Amino acid sequence: MDTISVTAARLDTHEAVCAQRYEHISDRLDKGAERMDKMQYLIYAVLAAVLLGPGAAAEFFKRLIGM
């Protein structure tokens, strides 16, 4: 094998591995975004409870979930 074909084979392998890594990173970021959304809503709940008091926060969440 000449140097060019060895280099091309190594580059192709490298690109395939990088594509797999990129896909994995993208999936992890999507899952992280979902988790951050949940955390954001929990922070809003705590903020409402602190600013408005626990009774007002409880009433808000009852309306939010349809009770």
PDB file of N, CA and C in Angstrom:
ATOM      1  N   MET A   1       0.851  -1.191   0.000  1.00  0.00           N
ATOM      2  CA  MET A   1       0.000   0.000   0.000  1.00  0.00           C
ATOM      3  C   MET A   1       0.886   1.240   0.000  1.00  0.00           C
ATOM      4  N   ASP A   2       0.458   2.194  -0.746  1.00  0.00           N
ATOM      5  CA  ASP A   2       1.229   3.426  -0.739  1.00  0.00           C
ATOM      6  C   ASP A   2       0.732   4.358   0.372  1.00  0.00           C
ATOM      7  N   THR A   3       1.473   5.373   0.635  1.00  0.00           N
ATOM      8  CA  THR A   3       1.205   6.279   1.751  1.00  0.00           C
ATOM      9  C   THR A   3      -0.140   6.978   1.615  1.00  0.00           C
ATOM     10  N   ILE A   4      -0.522   7.322   0.391  1.00  0.00           N
ATOM     11  CA  ILE A   4      -1.779   8.038   0.177  1.00  0.00           C
ATOM     12  C   ILE A   4      -2.964   7.153   0.539  1.00  0.00           C
ATOM     13  N   SER A   5      -2.971   5.887   0.141  1.00  0.00           N
ATOM     14  CA  SER A   5      -4.104   5.026   0.456  1.00  0.00           C
ATOM     15  C   SER A   5      -4.173   4.724   1.957  1.00  0.00           C
ATOM     16  N   VAL A   6      -3.041   4.598   2.624  1.00  0.00           N
ATOM     17  CA  VAL A   6      -3.029   4.385   4.078  1.00  0.00           C
ATOM     18  C   VAL A   6      -3.591   5.616   4.779  1.00  0.00           C
ATOM     19  N   THR A   7      -3.178   6.774   4.336  1.00  0.00           N
ATOM     20  CA  THR A   7      -3.666   8.018   4.937  1.00  0.00           C
ATOM     21  C   THR A   7      -5.161   8.183   4.688  1.00  0.00           C
ATOM     22  N   ALA A   8      -5.614   7.855   3.488  1.00  0.00           N
ATOM     23  CA  ALA A   8      -7.042   7.956   3.167  1.00  0.00           C
ATOM     24  C   ALA A   8      -7.851   6.986   4.029  1.00  0.00           C
ATOM     25  N   ALA A   9      -7.348   5.779   4.231  1.00  0.00           N
ATOM     26  CA  ALA A   9      -8.050   4.799   5.061  1.00  0.00           C
ATOM     27  C   ALA A   9      -8.126   5.285   6.502  1.00  0.00           C
ATOM     28  N   ARG A  10      -7.033   5.830   7.008  1.00  0.00           N
ATOM     29  CA  ARG A  10      -7.029   6.342   8.384  1.00  0.00           C
ATOM     30  C   ARG A  10      -7.977   7.529   8.524  1.00  0.00           C
ATOM     31  N   LEU A  11      -8.029   8.381   7.516  1.00  0.00           N
ATOM     32  CA  LEU A  11      -8.918   9.532   7.544  1.00  0.00           C
ATOM     33  C   LEU A  11     -10.379   9.090   7.504  1.00  0.00           C
ATOM     34  N   ASP A  12     -10.698   8.106   6.675  1.00  0.00           N
ATOM     35  CA  ASP A  12     -12.065   7.587   6.612  1.00  0.00           C
ATOM     36  C   ASP A  12     -12.492   7.003   7.959  1.00  0.00           C
ATOM     37  N   THR A  13     -11.587   6.254   8.580  1.00  0.00           N
ATOM     38  CA  THR A  13     -11.879   5.682   9.896  1.00  0.00           C
ATOM     39  C   THR A  13     -12.095   6.793  10.920  1.00  0.00           C
ATOM     40  N   HIS A  14     -11.245   7.784  10.880  1.00  0.00           N
ATOM     41  CA  HIS A  14     -11.357   8.914  11.803  1.00  0.00           C
ATOM     42  C   HIS A  14     -12.695   9.630  11.622  1.00  0.00           C
ATOM     43  N   GLU A  15     -13.099   9.867  10.397  1.00  0.00           N
ATOM     44  CA  GLU A  15     -14.366  10.545  10.124  1.00  0.00           C
ATOM     45  C   GLU A  15     -15.548   9.727  10.623  1.00  0.00           C
ATOM     46  N   ALA A  16     -15.488   8.399  10.473  1.00  0.00           N
ATOM     47  CA  ALA A  16     -16.576   7.548  10.942  1.00  0.00           C
ATOM     48  C   ALA A  16     -16.680   7.589  12.466  1.00  0.00           C
ATOM     49  N   VAL A  17     -15.555   7.526  13.132  1.00  0.00           N
ATOM     50  CA  VAL A  17     -15.558   7.585  14.592  1.00  0.00           C
ATOM     51  C   VAL A  17     -16.068   8.941  15.074  1.00  0.00           C
ATOM     52  N   CYS A  18     -15.638  10.005  14.432  1.00  0.00           N
ATOM     53  CA  CYS A  18     -16.090  11.343  14.809  1.00  0.00           C
ATOM     54  C   CYS A  18     -17.594  11.507  14.584  1.00  0.00           C
ATOM     55  N   ALA A  19     -18.121  10.931  13.525  1.00  0.00           N
ATOM     56  CA  ALA A  19     -19.559  10.998  13.268  1.00  0.00           C
ATOM     57  C   ALA A  19     -20.334  10.302  14.383  1.00  0.00           C
ATOM     58  N   GLN A  20     -19.849   9.150  14.838  1.00  0.00           N
ATOM     59  CA  GLN A  20     -20.502   8.444  15.945  1.00  0.00           C
ATOM     60  C   GLN A  20     -20.435   9.279  17.224  1.00  0.00           C
ATOM     61  N   ARG A  21     -19.291   9.857  17.482  1.00  0.00           N
ATOM     62  CA  ARG A  21     -19.139  10.688  18.681  1.00  0.00           C
ATOM     63  C   ARG A  21     -20.059  11.902  18.626  1.00  0.00           C
ATOM     64  N   TYR A  22     -20.143  12.524  17.466  1.00  0.00           N
ATOM     65  CA  TYR A  22     -21.012  13.688  17.314  1.00  0.00           C
ATOM     66  C   TYR A  22     -22.462  13.314  17.572  1.00  0.00           C
ATOM     67  N   GLU A  23     -22.889  12.168  17.045  1.00  0.00           N
ATOM     68  CA  GLU A  23     -24.265  11.712  17.265  1.00  0.00           C
ATOM     69  C   GLU A  23     -24.523  11.482  18.753  1.00  0.00           C
ATOM     70  N   HIS A  24     -23.567  10.867  19.437  1.00  0.00           N
ATOM     71  CA  HIS A  24     -23.708  10.610  20.870  1.00  0.00           C
ATOM     72  C   HIS A  24     -23.781  11.934  21.642  1.00  0.00           C
ATOM     73  N   ILE A  25     -22.934  12.875  21.300  1.00  0.00           N
ATOM     74  CA  ILE A  25     -22.937  14.176  21.966  1.00  0.00           C
ATOM     75  C   ILE A  25     -24.260  14.888  21.728  1.00  0.00           C
ATOM     76  N   SER A  26     -24.762  14.825  20.519  1.00  0.00           N
ATOM     77  CA  SER A  26     -26.035  15.466  20.196  1.00  0.00           C
ATOM     78  C   SER A  26     -27.179  14.864  21.002  1.00  0.00           C
ATOM     79  N   ASP A  27     -27.199  13.538  21.124  1.00  0.00           N
ATOM     80  CA  ASP A  27     -28.228  12.877  21.932  1.00  0.00           C
ATOM     81  C   ASP A  27     -28.144  13.309  23.389  1.00  0.00           C
ATOM     82  N   ARG A  28     -26.939  13.377  23.917  1.00  0.00           N
ATOM     83  CA  ARG A  28     -26.753  13.776  25.313  1.00  0.00           C
ATOM     84  C   ARG A  28     -27.209  15.220  25.535  1.00  0.00           C
ATOM     85  N   LEU A  29     -26.947  16.092  24.588  1.00  0.00           N
ATOM     86  CA  LEU A  29     -27.393  17.476  24.716  1.00  0.00           C
ATOM     87  C   LEU A  29     -28.914  17.575  24.685  1.00  0.00           C
ATOM     88  N   ASP A  30     -29.550  16.773  23.843  1.00  0.00           N
ATOM     89  CA  ASP A  30     -31.015  16.767  23.799  1.00  0.00           C
ATOM     90  C   ASP A  30     -31.598  16.292  25.121  1.00  0.00           C
ATOM     91  N   LYS A  31     -31.031  15.233  25.679  1.00  0.00           N
ATOM     92  CA  LYS A  31     -31.508  14.740  26.975  1.00  0.00           C
ATOM     93  C   LYS A  31     -31.253  15.768  28.065  1.00  0.00           C
ATOM     94  N   GLY A  32     -30.129  16.436  27.995  1.00  0.00           N
ATOM     95  CA  GLY A  32     -29.822  17.480  28.968  1.00  0.00           C
ATOM     96  C   GLY A  32     -30.790  18.645  28.879  1.00  0.00           C
ATOM     97  N   ALA A  33     -31.213  18.977  27.677  1.00  0.00           N
ATOM     98  CA  ALA A  33     -32.171  20.066  27.495  1.00  0.00           C
ATOM     99  C   ALA A  33     -33.509  19.709  28.137  1.00  0.00           C
ATOM    100  N   GLU A  34     -33.929  18.457  28.007  1.00  0.00           N
ATOM    101  CA  GLU A  34     -35.165  18.006  28.645  1.00  0.00           C
ATOM    102  C   GLU A  34     -35.056  18.123  30.159  1.00  0.00           C
ATOM    103  N   ARG A  35     -33.925  17.713  30.700  1.00  0.00           N
ATOM    104  CA  ARG A  35     -33.714  17.798  32.147  1.00  0.00           C
ATOM    105  C   ARG A  35     -33.702  19.249  32.610  1.00  0.00           C
ATOM    106  N   MET A  36     -33.097  20.123  31.819  1.00  0.00           N
ATOM    107  CA  MET A  36     -33.055  21.532  32.190  1.00  0.00           C
ATOM    108  C   MET A  36     -34.441  22.156  32.178  1.00  0.00           C
ATOM    109  N   ASP A  37     -35.294  21.729  31.253  1.00  0.00           N
ATOM    110  CA  ASP A  37     -36.672  22.225  31.238  1.00  0.00           C
ATOM    111  C   ASP A  37     -37.382  21.848  32.532  1.00  0.00           C
ATOM    112  N   LYS A  38     -37.208  20.613  32.971  1.00  0.00           N
ATOM    113  CA  LYS A  38     -37.823  20.178  34.225  1.00  0.00           C
ATOM    114  C   LYS A  38     -37.290  20.995  35.404  1.00  0.00           C
ATOM    115  N   MET A  39     -36.001  21.221  35.412  1.00  0.00           N
ATOM    116  CA  MET A  39     -35.404  22.006  36.491  1.00  0.00           C
ATOM    117  C   MET A  39     -35.917  23.443  36.469  1.00  0.00           C
ATOM    118  N   GLN A  40     -36.127  23.970  35.286  1.00  0.00           N
ATOM    119  CA  GLN A  40     -36.631  25.333  35.156  1.00  0.00           C
ATOM    120  C   GLN A  40     -38.020  25.438  35.786  1.00  0.00           C
ATOM    121  N   TYR A  41     -38.880  24.473  35.550  1.00  0.00           N
ATOM    122  CA  TYR A  41     -40.224  24.503  36.124  1.00  0.00           C
ATOM    123  C   TYR A  41     -40.179  24.353  37.641  1.00  0.00           C
ATOM    124  N   LEU A  42     -39.257  23.543  38.143  1.00  0.00           N
ATOM    125  CA  LEU A  42     -39.116  23.416  39.583  1.00  0.00           C
ATOM    126  C   LEU A  42     -38.643  24.731  40.203  1.00  0.00           C
ATOM    127  N   ILE A  43     -37.759  25.413  39.533  1.00  0.00           N
ATOM    128  CA  ILE A  43     -37.291  26.713  40.026  1.00  0.00           C
ATOM    129  C   ILE A  43     -38.439  27.719  40.040  1.00  0.00           C
ATOM    130  N   TYR A  44     -39.275  27.697  39.010  1.00  0.00           N
ATOM    131  CA  TYR A  44     -40.442  28.582  38.997  1.00  0.00           C
ATOM    132  C   TYR A  44     -41.369  28.275  40.158  1.00  0.00           C
ATOM    133  N   ALA A  45     -41.543  27.010  40.471  1.00  0.00           N
ATOM    134  CA  ALA A  45     -42.411  26.617  41.580  1.00  0.00           C
ATOM    135  C   ALA A  45     -41.864  27.137  42.901  1.00  0.00           C
ATOM    136  N   VAL A  46     -40.581  26.993  43.098  1.00  0.00           N
ATOM    137  CA  VAL A  46     -39.962  27.489  44.331  1.00  0.00           C
ATOM    138  C   VAL A  46     -40.061  29.008  44.388  1.00  0.00           C
ATOM    139  N   LEU A  47     -39.838  29.662  43.284  1.00  0.00           N
ATOM    140  CA  LEU A  47     -39.935  31.119  43.231  1.00  0.00           C
ATOM    141  C   LEU A  47     -41.346  31.581  43.583  1.00  0.00           C
ATOM    142  N   ALA A  48     -42.355  30.920  43.038  1.00  0.00           N
ATOM    143  CA  ALA A  48     -43.742  31.272  43.346  1.00  0.00           C
ATOM    144  C   ALA A  48     -44.028  31.058  44.820  1.00  0.00           C
ATOM    145  N   ALA A  49     -43.550  29.951  45.376  1.00  0.00           N
ATOM    146  CA  ALA A  49     -43.783  29.674  46.790  1.00  0.00           C
ATOM    147  C   ALA A  49     -43.108  30.710  47.670  1.00  0.00           C
ATOM    148  N   VAL A  50     -41.921  31.153  47.293  1.00  0.00           N
ATOM    149  CA  VAL A  50     -41.198  32.133  48.108  1.00  0.00           C
ATOM    150  C   VAL A  50     -41.845  33.514  47.991  1.00  0.00           C
ATOM    151  N   LEU A  51     -42.180  33.915  46.784  1.00  0.00           N
ATOM    152  CA  LEU A  51     -42.717  35.268  46.585  1.00  0.00           C
ATOM    153  C   LEU A  51     -44.169  35.406  47.012  1.00  0.00           C
ATOM    154  N   LEU A  52     -44.976  34.414  46.738  1.00  0.00           N
ATOM    155  CA  LEU A  52     -46.417  34.527  46.975  1.00  0.00           C
ATOM    156  C   LEU A  52     -46.886  33.797  48.224  1.00  0.00           C
ATOM    157  N   GLY A  53     -46.038  32.998  48.773  1.00  0.00           N
ATOM    158  CA  GLY A  53     -46.431  32.210  49.937  1.00  0.00           C
ATOM    159  C   GLY A  53     -46.873  30.834  49.518  1.00  0.00           C
ATOM    160  N   PRO A  54     -46.823  29.884  50.429  1.00  0.00           N
ATOM    161  CA  PRO A  54     -47.147  28.499  50.062  1.00  0.00           C
ATOM    162  C   PRO A  54     -48.607  28.302  49.659  1.00  0.00           C
ATOM    163  N   GLY A  55     -49.533  29.057  50.230  1.00  0.00           N
ATOM    164  CA  GLY A  55     -50.949  28.907  49.877  1.00  0.00           C
ATOM    165  C   GLY A  55     -51.224  29.319  48.444  1.00  0.00           C
ATOM    166  N   ALA A  56     -50.676  30.453  48.034  1.00  0.00           N
ATOM    167  CA  ALA A  56     -50.874  30.933  46.664  1.00  0.00           C
ATOM    168  C   ALA A  56     -50.203  30.002  45.666  1.00  0.00           C
ATOM    169  N   ALA A  57     -49.022  29.511  46.028  1.00  0.00           N
ATOM    170  CA  ALA A  57     -48.321  28.586  45.135  1.00  0.00           C
ATOM    171  C   ALA A  57     -49.098  27.292  44.983  1.00  0.00           C
ATOM    172  N   ALA A  58     -49.666  26.793  46.076  1.00  0.00           N
ATOM    173  CA  ALA A  58     -50.460  25.561  46.011  1.00  0.00           C
ATOM    174  C   ALA A  58     -51.685  25.760  45.128  1.00  0.00           C
ATOM    175  N   GLU A  59     -52.349  26.896  45.266  1.00  0.00           N
ATOM    176  CA  GLU A  59     -53.523  27.183  44.436  1.00  0.00           C
ATOM    177  C   GLU A  59     -53.149  27.279  42.959  1.00  0.00           C
ATOM    178  N   PHE A  60     -52.017  27.910  42.680  1.00  0.00           N
ATOM    179  CA  PHE A  60     -51.546  28.017  41.302  1.00  0.00           C
ATOM    180  C   PHE A  60     -51.302  26.646  40.695  1.00  0.00           C
ATOM    181  N   PHE A  61     -50.646  25.769  41.431  1.00  0.00           N
ATOM    182  CA  PHE A  61     -50.337  24.448  40.893  1.00  0.00           C
ATOM    183  C   PHE A  61     -51.570  23.568  40.791  1.00  0.00           C
ATOM    184  N   LYS A  62     -52.551  23.773  41.648  1.00  0.00           N
ATOM    185  CA  LYS A  62     -53.806  23.041  41.492  1.00  0.00           C
ATOM    186  C   LYS A  62     -54.473  23.424  40.162  1.00  0.00           C
ATOM    187  N   ARG A  63     -54.466  24.708  39.868  1.00  0.00           N
ATOM    188  CA  ARG A  63     -55.045  25.157  38.603  1.00  0.00           C
ATOM    189  C   ARG A  63     -54.215  24.673  37.413  1.00  0.00           C
ATOM    190  N   LEU A  64     -52.909  24.655  37.610  1.00  0.00           N
ATOM    191  CA  LEU A  64     -52.009  24.242  36.536  1.00  0.00           C
ATOM    192  C   LEU A  64     -52.245  22.788  36.126  1.00  0.00           C
ATOM    193  N   ILE A  65     -52.452  21.921  37.101  1.00  0.00           N
ATOM    194  CA  ILE A  65     -52.644  20.500  36.778  1.00  0.00           C
ATOM    195  C   ILE A  65     -54.104  20.136  36.631  1.00  0.00           C
ATOM    196  N   GLY A  66     -55.002  21.100  36.820  1.00  0.00           N
ATOM    197  CA  GLY A  66     -56.423  20.876  36.541  1.00  0.00           C
ATOM    198  C   GLY A  66     -57.211  20.304  37.687  1.00  0.00           C
ATOM    199  N   MET A  67     -56.821  20.543  38.896  1.00  0.00           N
ATOM    200  CA  MET A  67     -57.577  20.052  40.055  1.00  0.00           C
ATOM    201  C   MET A  67     -58.606  21.060  40.477  1.00  0.00           C
TER     202      MET A  67
END
